[in-house]
mmCIF file of all heavy atoms, coordinates in Angstrom:
data_MODEL
# 
_entry.id   MODEL 
# 
loop_
_atom_site.group_PDB 
_atom_site.id 
_atom_site.type_symbol 
_atom_site.label_atom_id 
_atom_site.label_alt_id 
_atom_site.label_comp_id 
_atom_site.label_asym_id 
_atom_site.label_entity_id 
_atom_site.label_seq_id 
_atom_site.pdbx_PDB_ins_code 
_atom_site.Cartn_x 
_atom_site.Cartn_y 
_atom_site.Cartn_z 
_atom_site.occupancy 
_atom_site.B_iso_or_equiv 
_atom_site.pdbx_formal_charge 
_atom_site.auth_seq_id 
_atom_site.auth_comp_id 
_atom_site.auth_asym_id 
_atom_site.auth_atom_id 
_atom_site.pdbx_PDB_model_num 
ATOM 1   N N   . VAL A 1 1  ? -2.960  1.607   -4.671  1.00 0.00 ? 1  VAL A N   1 
ATOM 2   C CA  . VAL A 1 1  ? -3.980  1.895   -3.675  1.00 0.00 ? 1  VAL A CA  1 
ATOM 3   C C   . VAL A 1 1  ? -4.042  3.420   -3.612  1.00 0.00 ? 1  VAL A C   1 
ATOM 4   O O   . VAL A 1 1  ? -3.015  4.123   -3.493  1.00 0.00 ? 1  VAL A O   1 
ATOM 5   C CB  . VAL A 1 1  ? -3.585  1.315   -2.274  1.00 0.00 ? 1  VAL A CB  1 
ATOM 6   C CG1 . VAL A 1 1  ? -4.614  1.716   -1.213  1.00 0.00 ? 1  VAL A CG1 1 
ATOM 7   C CG2 . VAL A 1 1  ? -3.476  -0.199  -2.357  1.00 0.00 ? 1  VAL A CG2 1 
ATOM 8   N N   . CYS A 1 2  ? -5.262  3.968   -3.669  1.00 0.00 ? 2  CYS A N   1 
ATOM 9   C CA  . CYS A 1 2  ? -5.391  5.437   -3.670  1.00 0.00 ? 2  CYS A CA  1 
ATOM 10  C C   . CYS A 1 2  ? -6.557  5.898   -2.862  1.00 0.00 ? 2  CYS A C   1 
ATOM 11  O O   . CYS A 1 2  ? -7.583  5.183   -2.685  1.00 0.00 ? 2  CYS A O   1 
ATOM 12  C CB  . CYS A 1 2  ? -5.501  5.978   -5.112  1.00 0.00 ? 2  CYS A CB  1 
ATOM 13  S SG  . CYS A 1 2  ? -6.861  5.295   -6.057  1.00 0.00 ? 2  CYS A SG  1 
ATOM 14  N N   . GLY A 1 3  ? -6.440  7.111   -2.282  1.00 0.00 ? 3  GLY A N   1 
ATOM 15  C CA  . GLY A 1 3  ? -7.506  7.652   -1.450  1.00 0.00 ? 3  GLY A CA  1 
ATOM 16  C C   . GLY A 1 3  ? -7.165  9.048   -1.007  1.00 0.00 ? 3  GLY A C   1 
ATOM 17  O O   . GLY A 1 3  ? -6.094  9.607   -1.409  1.00 0.00 ? 3  GLY A O   1 
ATOM 18  N N   . PRO A 1 4  ? -7.941  9.646   -0.146  1.00 0.00 ? 4  PRO A N   1 
ATOM 19  C CA  . PRO A 1 4  ? -7.618  10.988  0.427   1.00 0.00 ? 4  PRO A CA  1 
ATOM 20  C C   . PRO A 1 4  ? -6.247  10.946  1.093   1.00 0.00 ? 4  PRO A C   1 
ATOM 21  O O   . PRO A 1 4  ? -5.976  10.037  1.845   1.00 0.00 ? 4  PRO A O   1 
ATOM 22  C CB  . PRO A 1 4  ? -8.771  11.265  1.407   1.00 0.00 ? 4  PRO A CB  1 
ATOM 23  C CG  . PRO A 1 4  ? -9.883  10.393  0.922   1.00 0.00 ? 4  PRO A CG  1 
ATOM 24  C CD  . PRO A 1 4  ? -9.244  9.167   0.385   1.00 0.00 ? 4  PRO A CD  1 
ATOM 25  N N   . VAL A 1 5  ? -5.426  11.982  0.832   1.00 0.00 ? 5  VAL A N   1 
ATOM 26  C CA  . VAL A 1 5  ? -4.062  11.970  1.293   1.00 0.00 ? 5  VAL A CA  1 
ATOM 27  C C   . VAL A 1 5  ? -3.951  11.921  2.845   1.00 0.00 ? 5  VAL A C   1 
ATOM 28  O O   . VAL A 1 5  ? -3.003  11.411  3.375   1.00 0.00 ? 5  VAL A O   1 
ATOM 29  C CB  . VAL A 1 5  ? -3.298  13.169  0.739   1.00 0.00 ? 5  VAL A CB  1 
ATOM 30  C CG1 . VAL A 1 5  ? -3.777  14.470  1.347   1.00 0.00 ? 5  VAL A CG1 1 
ATOM 31  C CG2 . VAL A 1 5  ? -1.809  13.014  0.868   1.00 0.00 ? 5  VAL A CG2 1 
ATOM 32  N N   . ASP A 1 6  ? -4.963  12.472  3.544   1.00 0.00 ? 6  ASP A N   1 
ATOM 33  C CA  . ASP A 1 6  ? -4.846  12.514  4.983   1.00 0.00 ? 6  ASP A CA  1 
ATOM 34  C C   . ASP A 1 6  ? -5.027  11.173  5.602   1.00 0.00 ? 6  ASP A C   1 
ATOM 35  O O   . ASP A 1 6  ? -4.764  10.972  6.809   1.00 0.00 ? 6  ASP A O   1 
ATOM 36  C CB  . ASP A 1 6  ? -5.860  13.516  5.555   1.00 0.00 ? 6  ASP A CB  1 
ATOM 37  C CG  . ASP A 1 6  ? -7.317  13.192  5.199   1.00 0.00 ? 6  ASP A CG  1 
ATOM 38  O OD1 . ASP A 1 6  ? -7.541  12.185  4.559   1.00 0.00 ? 6  ASP A OD1 1 
ATOM 39  O OD2 . ASP A 1 6  ? -8.192  14.014  5.587   1.00 0.00 ? 6  ASP A OD2 1 
ATOM 40  N N   . ARG A 1 7  ? -5.381  10.143  4.834   1.00 0.00 ? 7  ARG A N   1 
ATOM 41  C CA  . ARG A 1 7  ? -5.450  8.773   5.349   1.00 0.00 ? 7  ARG A CA  1 
ATOM 42  C C   . ARG A 1 7  ? -4.156  7.998   5.105   1.00 0.00 ? 7  ARG A C   1 
ATOM 43  O O   . ARG A 1 7  ? -4.003  6.878   5.510   1.00 0.00 ? 7  ARG A O   1 
ATOM 44  C CB  . ARG A 1 7  ? -6.637  8.022   4.735   1.00 0.00 ? 7  ARG A CB  1 
ATOM 45  C CG  . ARG A 1 7  ? -7.970  8.617   5.100   1.00 0.00 ? 7  ARG A CG  1 
ATOM 46  C CD  . ARG A 1 7  ? -9.097  7.633   5.074   1.00 0.00 ? 7  ARG A CD  1 
ATOM 47  N NE  . ARG A 1 7  ? -9.461  7.127   3.786   1.00 0.00 ? 7  ARG A NE  1 
ATOM 48  C CZ  . ARG A 1 7  ? -10.564 7.452   3.117   1.00 0.00 ? 7  ARG A CZ  1 
ATOM 49  N NH1 . ARG A 1 7  ? -11.421 8.342   3.632   1.00 0.00 ? 7  ARG A NH1 1 
ATOM 50  N NH2 . ARG A 1 7  ? -10.823 6.917   1.964   1.00 0.00 ? 7  ARG A NH2 1 
ATOM 51  N N   . PHE A 1 8  ? -3.211  8.631   4.389   1.00 0.00 ? 8  PHE A N   1 
ATOM 52  C CA  . PHE A 1 8  ? -1.934  7.978   4.058   1.00 0.00 ? 8  PHE A CA  1 
ATOM 53  C C   . PHE A 1 8  ? -0.823  8.561   4.920   1.00 0.00 ? 8  PHE A C   1 
ATOM 54  O O   . PHE A 1 8  ? 0.003   9.335   4.481   1.00 0.00 ? 8  PHE A O   1 
ATOM 55  C CB  . PHE A 1 8  ? -1.638  8.224   2.551   1.00 0.00 ? 8  PHE A CB  1 
ATOM 56  C CG  . PHE A 1 8  ? -2.432  7.359   1.632   1.00 0.00 ? 8  PHE A CG  1 
ATOM 57  C CD1 . PHE A 1 8  ? -3.846  7.504   1.596   1.00 0.00 ? 8  PHE A CD1 1 
ATOM 58  C CD2 . PHE A 1 8  ? -1.859  6.448   0.777   1.00 0.00 ? 8  PHE A CD2 1 
ATOM 59  C CE1 . PHE A 1 8  ? -4.612  6.716   0.741   1.00 0.00 ? 8  PHE A CE1 1 
ATOM 60  C CE2 . PHE A 1 8  ? -2.626  5.660   -0.080  1.00 0.00 ? 8  PHE A CE2 1 
ATOM 61  C CZ  . PHE A 1 8  ? -4.007  5.810   -0.103  1.00 0.00 ? 8  PHE A CZ  1 
ATOM 62  N N   . THR A 1 9  ? -0.863  8.170   6.174   1.00 0.00 ? 9  THR A N   1 
ATOM 63  C CA  . THR A 1 9  ? 0.080   8.748   7.127   1.00 0.00 ? 9  THR A CA  1 
ATOM 64  C C   . THR A 1 9  ? 0.690   7.630   7.979   1.00 0.00 ? 9  THR A C   1 
ATOM 65  O O   . THR A 1 9  ? 0.052   6.601   8.224   1.00 0.00 ? 9  THR A O   1 
ATOM 66  C CB  . THR A 1 9  ? -0.561  9.793   8.025   1.00 0.00 ? 9  THR A CB  1 
ATOM 67  O OG1 . THR A 1 9  ? -1.634  9.138   8.758   1.00 0.00 ? 9  THR A OG1 1 
ATOM 68  C CG2 . THR A 1 9  ? -1.088  10.972  7.256   1.00 0.00 ? 9  THR A CG2 1 
ATOM 69  N N   . GLY A 1 10 ? 1.904   7.915   8.469   1.00 0.00 ? 10 GLY A N   1 
ATOM 70  C CA  . GLY A 1 10 ? 2.513   7.068   9.509   1.00 0.00 ? 10 GLY A CA  1 
ATOM 71  C C   . GLY A 1 10 ? 2.545   5.616   9.242   1.00 0.00 ? 10 GLY A C   1 
ATOM 72  O O   . GLY A 1 10 ? 2.860   5.133   8.168   1.00 0.00 ? 10 GLY A O   1 
ATOM 73  N N   . GLU A 1 11 ? 2.171   4.796   10.264  1.00 0.00 ? 11 GLU A N   1 
ATOM 74  C CA  . GLU A 1 11 ? 2.235   3.367   10.203  1.00 0.00 ? 11 GLU A CA  1 
ATOM 75  C C   . GLU A 1 11 ? 1.264   2.849   9.161   1.00 0.00 ? 11 GLU A C   1 
ATOM 76  O O   . GLU A 1 11 ? 1.475   1.772   8.591   1.00 0.00 ? 11 GLU A O   1 
ATOM 77  C CB  . GLU A 1 11 ? 1.921   2.766   11.558  1.00 0.00 ? 11 GLU A CB  1 
ATOM 78  C CG  . GLU A 1 11 ? 3.035   3.040   12.603  1.00 0.00 ? 11 GLU A CG  1 
ATOM 79  C CD  . GLU A 1 11 ? 2.665   2.393   13.937  1.00 0.00 ? 11 GLU A CD  1 
ATOM 80  O OE1 . GLU A 1 11 ? 1.580   1.769   14.039  1.00 0.00 ? 11 GLU A OE1 1 
ATOM 81  O OE2 . GLU A 1 11 ? 3.490   2.524   14.866  1.00 0.00 ? 11 GLU A OE2 1 
ATOM 82  N N   . VAL A 1 12 ? 0.169   3.527   8.940   1.00 0.00 ? 12 VAL A N   1 
ATOM 83  C CA  . VAL A 1 12 ? -0.804  3.142   7.923   1.00 0.00 ? 12 VAL A CA  1 
ATOM 84  C C   . VAL A 1 12 ? -0.121  3.064   6.546   1.00 0.00 ? 12 VAL A C   1 
ATOM 85  O O   . VAL A 1 12 ? -0.296  2.104   5.766   1.00 0.00 ? 12 VAL A O   1 
ATOM 86  C CB  . VAL A 1 12 ? -2.053  4.059   7.872   1.00 0.00 ? 12 VAL A CB  1 
ATOM 87  C CG1 . VAL A 1 12 ? -2.929  3.720   6.687   1.00 0.00 ? 12 VAL A CG1 1 
ATOM 88  C CG2 . VAL A 1 12 ? -2.818  3.966   9.162   1.00 0.00 ? 12 VAL A CG2 1 
ATOM 89  N N   . THR A 1 13 ? 0.655   4.090   6.241   1.00 0.00 ? 13 THR A N   1 
ATOM 90  C CA  . THR A 1 13 ? 1.348   4.142   4.961   1.00 0.00 ? 13 THR A CA  1 
ATOM 91  C C   . THR A 1 13 ? 2.334   3.034   4.831   1.00 0.00 ? 13 THR A C   1 
ATOM 92  O O   . THR A 1 13 ? 2.455   2.371   3.783   1.00 0.00 ? 13 THR A O   1 
ATOM 93  C CB  . THR A 1 13 ? 2.058   5.509   4.764   1.00 0.00 ? 13 THR A CB  1 
ATOM 94  O OG1 . THR A 1 13 ? 1.047   6.541   4.736   1.00 0.00 ? 13 THR A OG1 1 
ATOM 95  C CG2 . THR A 1 13 ? 2.842   5.527   3.488   1.00 0.00 ? 13 THR A CG2 1 
ATOM 96  N N   . ASP A 1 14 ? 3.091   2.752   5.911   1.00 0.00 ? 14 ASP A N   1 
ATOM 97  C CA  . ASP A 1 14 ? 4.048   1.684   5.854   1.00 0.00 ? 14 ASP A CA  1 
ATOM 98  C C   . ASP A 1 14 ? 3.388   0.335   5.574   1.00 0.00 ? 14 ASP A C   1 
ATOM 99  O O   . ASP A 1 14 ? 3.859   -0.498  4.806   1.00 0.00 ? 14 ASP A O   1 
ATOM 100 C CB  . ASP A 1 14 ? 4.807   1.563   7.219   1.00 0.00 ? 14 ASP A CB  1 
ATOM 101 C CG  . ASP A 1 14 ? 5.702   2.784   7.405   1.00 0.00 ? 14 ASP A CG  1 
ATOM 102 O OD1 . ASP A 1 14 ? 6.155   3.399   6.400   1.00 0.00 ? 14 ASP A OD1 1 
ATOM 103 O OD2 . ASP A 1 14 ? 6.020   3.084   8.566   1.00 0.00 ? 14 ASP A OD2 1 
ATOM 104 N N   . TRP A 1 15 ? 2.209   0.142   6.201   1.00 0.00 ? 15 TRP A N   1 
ATOM 105 C CA  . TRP A 1 15 ? 1.449   -1.115  5.991   1.00 0.00 ? 15 TRP A CA  1 
ATOM 106 C C   . TRP A 1 15 ? 0.903   -1.178  4.562   1.00 0.00 ? 15 TRP A C   1 
ATOM 107 O O   . TRP A 1 15 ? 0.957   -2.235  3.897   1.00 0.00 ? 15 TRP A O   1 
ATOM 108 C CB  . TRP A 1 15 ? 0.345   -1.196  7.011   1.00 0.00 ? 15 TRP A CB  1 
ATOM 109 C CG  . TRP A 1 15 ? -0.513  -2.397  6.844   1.00 0.00 ? 15 TRP A CG  1 
ATOM 110 C CD1 . TRP A 1 15 ? -0.225  -3.704  7.225   1.00 0.00 ? 15 TRP A CD1 1 
ATOM 111 C CD2 . TRP A 1 15 ? -1.817  -2.464  6.308   1.00 0.00 ? 15 TRP A CD2 1 
ATOM 112 N NE1 . TRP A 1 15 ? -1.266  -4.567  6.931   1.00 0.00 ? 15 TRP A NE1 1 
ATOM 113 C CE2 . TRP A 1 15 ? -2.275  -3.803  6.360   1.00 0.00 ? 15 TRP A CE2 1 
ATOM 114 C CE3 . TRP A 1 15 ? -2.704  -1.503  5.762   1.00 0.00 ? 15 TRP A CE3 1 
ATOM 115 C CZ2 . TRP A 1 15 ? -3.504  -4.237  5.901   1.00 0.00 ? 15 TRP A CZ2 1 
ATOM 116 C CZ3 . TRP A 1 15 ? -3.942  -1.914  5.316   1.00 0.00 ? 15 TRP A CZ3 1 
ATOM 117 C CH2 . TRP A 1 15 ? -4.350  -3.266  5.381   1.00 0.00 ? 15 TRP A CH2 1 
ATOM 118 N N   . LEU A 1 16 ? 0.412   -0.027  4.037   1.00 0.00 ? 16 LEU A N   1 
ATOM 119 C CA  . LEU A 1 16 ? -0.086  -0.007  2.671   1.00 0.00 ? 16 LEU A CA  1 
ATOM 120 C C   . LEU A 1 16 ? 1.006   -0.300  1.649   1.00 0.00 ? 16 LEU A C   1 
ATOM 121 O O   . LEU A 1 16 ? 0.802   -0.932  0.661   1.00 0.00 ? 16 LEU A O   1 
ATOM 122 C CB  . LEU A 1 16 ? -0.725  1.387   2.388   1.00 0.00 ? 16 LEU A CB  1 
ATOM 123 C CG  . LEU A 1 16 ? -2.049  1.697   3.050   1.00 0.00 ? 16 LEU A CG  1 
ATOM 124 C CD1 . LEU A 1 16 ? -2.436  3.135   2.804   1.00 0.00 ? 16 LEU A CD1 1 
ATOM 125 C CD2 . LEU A 1 16 ? -3.142  0.724   2.595   1.00 0.00 ? 16 LEU A CD2 1 
ATOM 126 N N   . ILE A 1 17 ? 2.223   0.208   1.948   1.00 0.00 ? 17 ILE A N   1 
ATOM 127 C CA  . ILE A 1 17 ? 3.350   -0.088  1.068   1.00 0.00 ? 17 ILE A CA  1 
ATOM 128 C C   . ILE A 1 17 ? 3.593   -1.584  0.970   1.00 0.00 ? 17 ILE A C   1 
ATOM 129 O O   . ILE A 1 17 ? 3.710   -2.138  -0.117  1.00 0.00 ? 17 ILE A O   1 
ATOM 130 C CB  . ILE A 1 17 ? 4.600   0.624   1.551   1.00 0.00 ? 17 ILE A CB  1 
ATOM 131 C CG1 . ILE A 1 17 ? 4.538   2.135   1.344   1.00 0.00 ? 17 ILE A CG1 1 
ATOM 132 C CG2 . ILE A 1 17 ? 5.893   0.076   0.886   1.00 0.00 ? 17 ILE A CG2 1 
ATOM 133 C CD1 . ILE A 1 17 ? 5.644   2.939   2.015   1.00 0.00 ? 17 ILE A CD1 1 
ATOM 134 N N   . GLN A 1 18 ? 3.610   -2.265  2.082   1.00 0.00 ? 18 GLN A N   1 
ATOM 135 C CA  . GLN A 1 18 ? 3.866   -3.682  2.133   1.00 0.00 ? 18 GLN A CA  1 
ATOM 136 C C   . GLN A 1 18 ? 2.762   -4.470  1.373   1.00 0.00 ? 18 GLN A C   1 
ATOM 137 O O   . GLN A 1 18 ? 3.061   -5.363  0.631   1.00 0.00 ? 18 GLN A O   1 
ATOM 138 C CB  . GLN A 1 18 ? 3.930   -4.184  3.603   1.00 0.00 ? 18 GLN A CB  1 
ATOM 139 C CG  . GLN A 1 18 ? 5.110   -3.610  4.359   1.00 0.00 ? 18 GLN A CG  1 
ATOM 140 C CD  . GLN A 1 18 ? 5.037   -3.984  5.795   1.00 0.00 ? 18 GLN A CD  1 
ATOM 141 O OE1 . GLN A 1 18 ? 4.213   -4.774  6.232   1.00 0.00 ? 18 GLN A OE1 1 
ATOM 142 N NE2 . GLN A 1 18 ? 5.921   -3.374  6.612   1.00 0.00 ? 18 GLN A NE2 1 
ATOM 143 N N   . ARG A 1 19 ? 1.499   -4.048  1.610   1.00 0.00 ? 19 ARG A N   1 
ATOM 144 C CA  . ARG A 1 19 ? 0.373   -4.747  0.935   1.00 0.00 ? 19 ARG A CA  1 
ATOM 145 C C   . ARG A 1 19 ? 0.426   -4.498  -0.573  1.00 0.00 ? 19 ARG A C   1 
ATOM 146 O O   . ARG A 1 19 ? 0.098   -5.407  -1.361  1.00 0.00 ? 19 ARG A O   1 
ATOM 147 C CB  . ARG A 1 19 ? -0.956  -4.267  1.514   1.00 0.00 ? 19 ARG A CB  1 
ATOM 148 C CG  . ARG A 1 19 ? -1.181  -4.529  2.999   1.00 0.00 ? 19 ARG A CG  1 
ATOM 149 C CD  . ARG A 1 19 ? -0.916  -6.007  3.355   1.00 0.00 ? 19 ARG A CD  1 
ATOM 150 N NE  . ARG A 1 19 ? -1.647  -6.920  2.485   1.00 0.00 ? 19 ARG A NE  1 
ATOM 151 C CZ  . ARG A 1 19 ? -1.162  -8.064  2.007   1.00 0.00 ? 19 ARG A CZ  1 
ATOM 152 N NH1 . ARG A 1 19 ? 0.061   -8.451  2.351   1.00 0.00 ? 19 ARG A NH1 1 
ATOM 153 N NH2 . ARG A 1 19 ? -1.905  -8.818  1.232   1.00 0.00 ? 19 ARG A NH2 1 
ATOM 154 N N   . THR A 1 20 ? 0.753   -3.292  -1.008  1.00 0.00 ? 20 THR A N   1 
ATOM 155 C CA  . THR A 1 20 ? 0.784   -2.975  -2.437  1.00 0.00 ? 20 THR A CA  1 
ATOM 156 C C   . THR A 1 20 ? 1.889   -3.739  -3.127  1.00 0.00 ? 20 THR A C   1 
ATOM 157 O O   . THR A 1 20 ? 1.703   -4.307  -4.213  1.00 0.00 ? 20 THR A O   1 
ATOM 158 C CB  . THR A 1 20 ? 0.938   -1.483  -2.676  1.00 0.00 ? 20 THR A CB  1 
ATOM 159 O OG1 . THR A 1 20 ? -0.097  -0.788  -1.962  1.00 0.00 ? 20 THR A OG1 1 
ATOM 160 C CG2 . THR A 1 20 ? 0.863   -1.138  -4.118  1.00 0.00 ? 20 THR A CG2 1 
ATOM 161 N N   . ILE A 1 21 ? 3.066   -3.802  -2.506  1.00 0.00 ? 21 ILE A N   1 
ATOM 162 C CA  . ILE A 1 21 ? 4.171   -4.498  -3.128  1.00 0.00 ? 21 ILE A CA  1 
ATOM 163 C C   . ILE A 1 21 ? 3.850   -5.982  -3.239  1.00 0.00 ? 21 ILE A C   1 
ATOM 164 O O   . ILE A 1 21 ? 4.075   -6.641  -4.239  1.00 0.00 ? 21 ILE A O   1 
ATOM 165 C CB  . ILE A 1 21 ? 5.465   -4.293  -2.297  1.00 0.00 ? 21 ILE A CB  1 
ATOM 166 C CG1 . ILE A 1 21 ? 5.967   -2.910  -2.458  1.00 0.00 ? 21 ILE A CG1 1 
ATOM 167 C CG2 . ILE A 1 21 ? 6.554   -5.299  -2.701  1.00 0.00 ? 21 ILE A CG2 1 
ATOM 168 C CD1 . ILE A 1 21 ? 7.172   -2.534  -1.597  1.00 0.00 ? 21 ILE A CD1 1 
ATOM 169 N N   . ALA A 1 22 ? 3.250   -6.540  -2.180  1.00 0.00 ? 22 ALA A N   1 
ATOM 170 C CA  . ALA A 1 22 ? 2.865   -7.967  -2.200  1.00 0.00 ? 22 ALA A CA  1 
ATOM 171 C C   . ALA A 1 22 ? 1.816   -8.249  -3.281  1.00 0.00 ? 22 ALA A C   1 
ATOM 172 O O   . ALA A 1 22 ? 1.866   -9.277  -3.983  1.00 0.00 ? 22 ALA A O   1 
ATOM 173 C CB  . ALA A 1 22 ? 2.339   -8.369  -0.833  1.00 0.00 ? 22 ALA A CB  1 
ATOM 174 N N   . ALA A 1 23 ? 0.877   -7.342  -3.425  1.00 0.00 ? 23 ALA A N   1 
ATOM 175 C CA  . ALA A 1 23 ? -0.203  -7.485  -4.458  1.00 0.00 ? 23 ALA A CA  1 
ATOM 176 C C   . ALA A 1 23 ? 0.431   -7.516  -5.860  1.00 0.00 ? 23 ALA A C   1 
ATOM 177 O O   . ALA A 1 23 ? 0.065   -8.320  -6.708  1.00 0.00 ? 23 ALA A O   1 
ATOM 178 C CB  . ALA A 1 23 ? -1.276  -6.426  -4.325  1.00 0.00 ? 23 ALA A CB  1 
ATOM 179 N N   . ALA A 1 24 ? 1.305   -6.548  -6.115  1.00 0.00 ? 24 ALA A N   1 
ATOM 180 C CA  . ALA A 1 24 ? 1.931   -6.437  -7.423  1.00 0.00 ? 24 ALA A CA  1 
ATOM 181 C C   . ALA A 1 24 ? 2.785   -7.694  -7.732  1.00 0.00 ? 24 ALA A C   1 
ATOM 182 O O   . ALA A 1 24 ? 2.798   -8.179  -8.843  1.00 0.00 ? 24 ALA A O   1 
ATOM 183 C CB  . ALA A 1 24 ? 2.765   -5.186  -7.493  1.00 0.00 ? 24 ALA A CB  1 
ATOM 184 N N   . ALA A 1 25 ? 3.482   -8.160  -6.681  1.00 0.00 ? 25 ALA A N   1 
ATOM 185 C CA  . ALA A 1 25 ? 4.276   -9.386  -6.870  1.00 0.00 ? 25 ALA A CA  1 
ATOM 186 C C   . ALA A 1 25 ? 3.404   -10.590 -7.213  1.00 0.00 ? 25 ALA A C   1 
ATOM 187 O O   . ALA A 1 25 ? 3.772   -11.450 -8.027  1.00 0.00 ? 25 ALA A O   1 
ATOM 188 C CB  . ALA A 1 25 ? 5.095   -9.637  -5.622  1.00 0.00 ? 25 ALA A CB  1 
ATOM 189 N N   . GLU A 1 26 ? 2.217   -10.643 -6.566  1.00 0.00 ? 26 GLU A N   1 
ATOM 190 C CA  . GLU A 1 26 ? 1.305   -11.766 -6.818  1.00 0.00 ? 26 GLU A CA  1 
ATOM 191 C C   . GLU A 1 26 ? 0.817   -11.727 -8.259  1.00 0.00 ? 26 GLU A C   1 
ATOM 192 O O   . GLU A 1 26 ? 0.707   -12.760 -8.958  1.00 0.00 ? 26 GLU A O   1 
ATOM 193 C CB  . GLU A 1 26 ? 0.125   -11.704 -5.855  1.00 0.00 ? 26 GLU A CB  1 
ATOM 194 C CG  . GLU A 1 26 ? -0.833  -12.839 -5.991  1.00 0.00 ? 26 GLU A CG  1 
ATOM 195 C CD  . GLU A 1 26 ? -1.942  -12.824 -4.986  1.00 0.00 ? 26 GLU A CD  1 
ATOM 196 O OE1 . GLU A 1 26 ? -1.849  -12.054 -3.994  1.00 0.00 ? 26 GLU A OE1 1 
ATOM 197 O OE2 . GLU A 1 26 ? -2.944  -13.564 -5.145  1.00 0.00 ? 26 GLU A OE2 1 
ATOM 198 N N   . VAL A 1 27 ? 0.474   -10.522 -8.751  1.00 0.00 ? 27 VAL A N   1 
ATOM 199 C CA  . VAL A 1 27 ? -0.006  -10.416 -10.114 1.00 0.00 ? 27 VAL A CA  1 
ATOM 200 C C   . VAL A 1 27 ? 1.131   -10.731 -11.100 1.00 0.00 ? 27 VAL A C   1 
ATOM 201 O O   . VAL A 1 27 ? 0.937   -11.443 -12.081 1.00 0.00 ? 27 VAL A O   1 
ATOM 202 C CB  . VAL A 1 27 ? -0.564  -8.974  -10.404 1.00 0.00 ? 27 VAL A CB  1 
ATOM 203 C CG1 . VAL A 1 27 ? -0.921  -8.837  -11.860 1.00 0.00 ? 27 VAL A CG1 1 
ATOM 204 C CG2 . VAL A 1 27 ? -1.721  -8.682  -9.496  1.00 0.00 ? 27 VAL A CG2 1 
ATOM 205 N N   . SER A 1 28 ? 2.320   -10.241 -10.813 1.00 0.00 ? 28 SER A N   1 
ATOM 206 C CA  . SER A 1 28 ? 3.503   -10.575 -11.661 1.00 0.00 ? 28 SER A CA  1 
ATOM 207 C C   . SER A 1 28 ? 3.695   -12.078 -11.749 1.00 0.00 ? 28 SER A C   1 
ATOM 208 O O   . SER A 1 28 ? 3.965   -12.646 -12.809 1.00 0.00 ? 28 SER A O   1 
ATOM 209 C CB  . SER A 1 28 ? 4.749   -9.907  -11.124 1.00 0.00 ? 28 SER A CB  1 
ATOM 210 O OG  . SER A 1 28 ? 4.649   -8.504  -11.138 1.00 0.00 ? 28 SER A OG  1 
ATOM 211 N N   . GLU A 1 29 ? 3.638   -12.752 -10.610 1.00 0.00 ? 29 GLU A N   1 
ATOM 212 C CA  . GLU A 1 29 ? 3.790   -14.216 -10.579 1.00 0.00 ? 29 GLU A CA  1 
ATOM 213 C C   . GLU A 1 29 ? 2.708   -14.911 -11.416 1.00 0.00 ? 29 GLU A C   1 
ATOM 214 O O   . GLU A 1 29 ? 2.995   -15.835 -12.164 1.00 0.00 ? 29 GLU A O   1 
ATOM 215 C CB  . GLU A 1 29 ? 3.708   -14.724 -9.156  1.00 0.00 ? 29 GLU A CB  1 
ATOM 216 C CG  . GLU A 1 29 ? 3.974   -16.199 -9.016  1.00 0.00 ? 29 GLU A CG  1 
ATOM 217 C CD  . GLU A 1 29 ? 3.936   -16.682 -7.565  1.00 0.00 ? 29 GLU A CD  1 
ATOM 218 O OE1 . GLU A 1 29 ? 3.829   -15.837 -6.677  1.00 0.00 ? 29 GLU A OE1 1 
ATOM 219 O OE2 . GLU A 1 29 ? 4.086   -17.899 -7.345  1.00 0.00 ? 29 GLU A OE2 1 
# 
């Protein structure tokens, strides 16, 4: 997931991390 760095802060980043890991795991499966 990529975008302007000022949108990747705090709790938003933590949530994006979870969603990205889950997405990659789904594709791997």
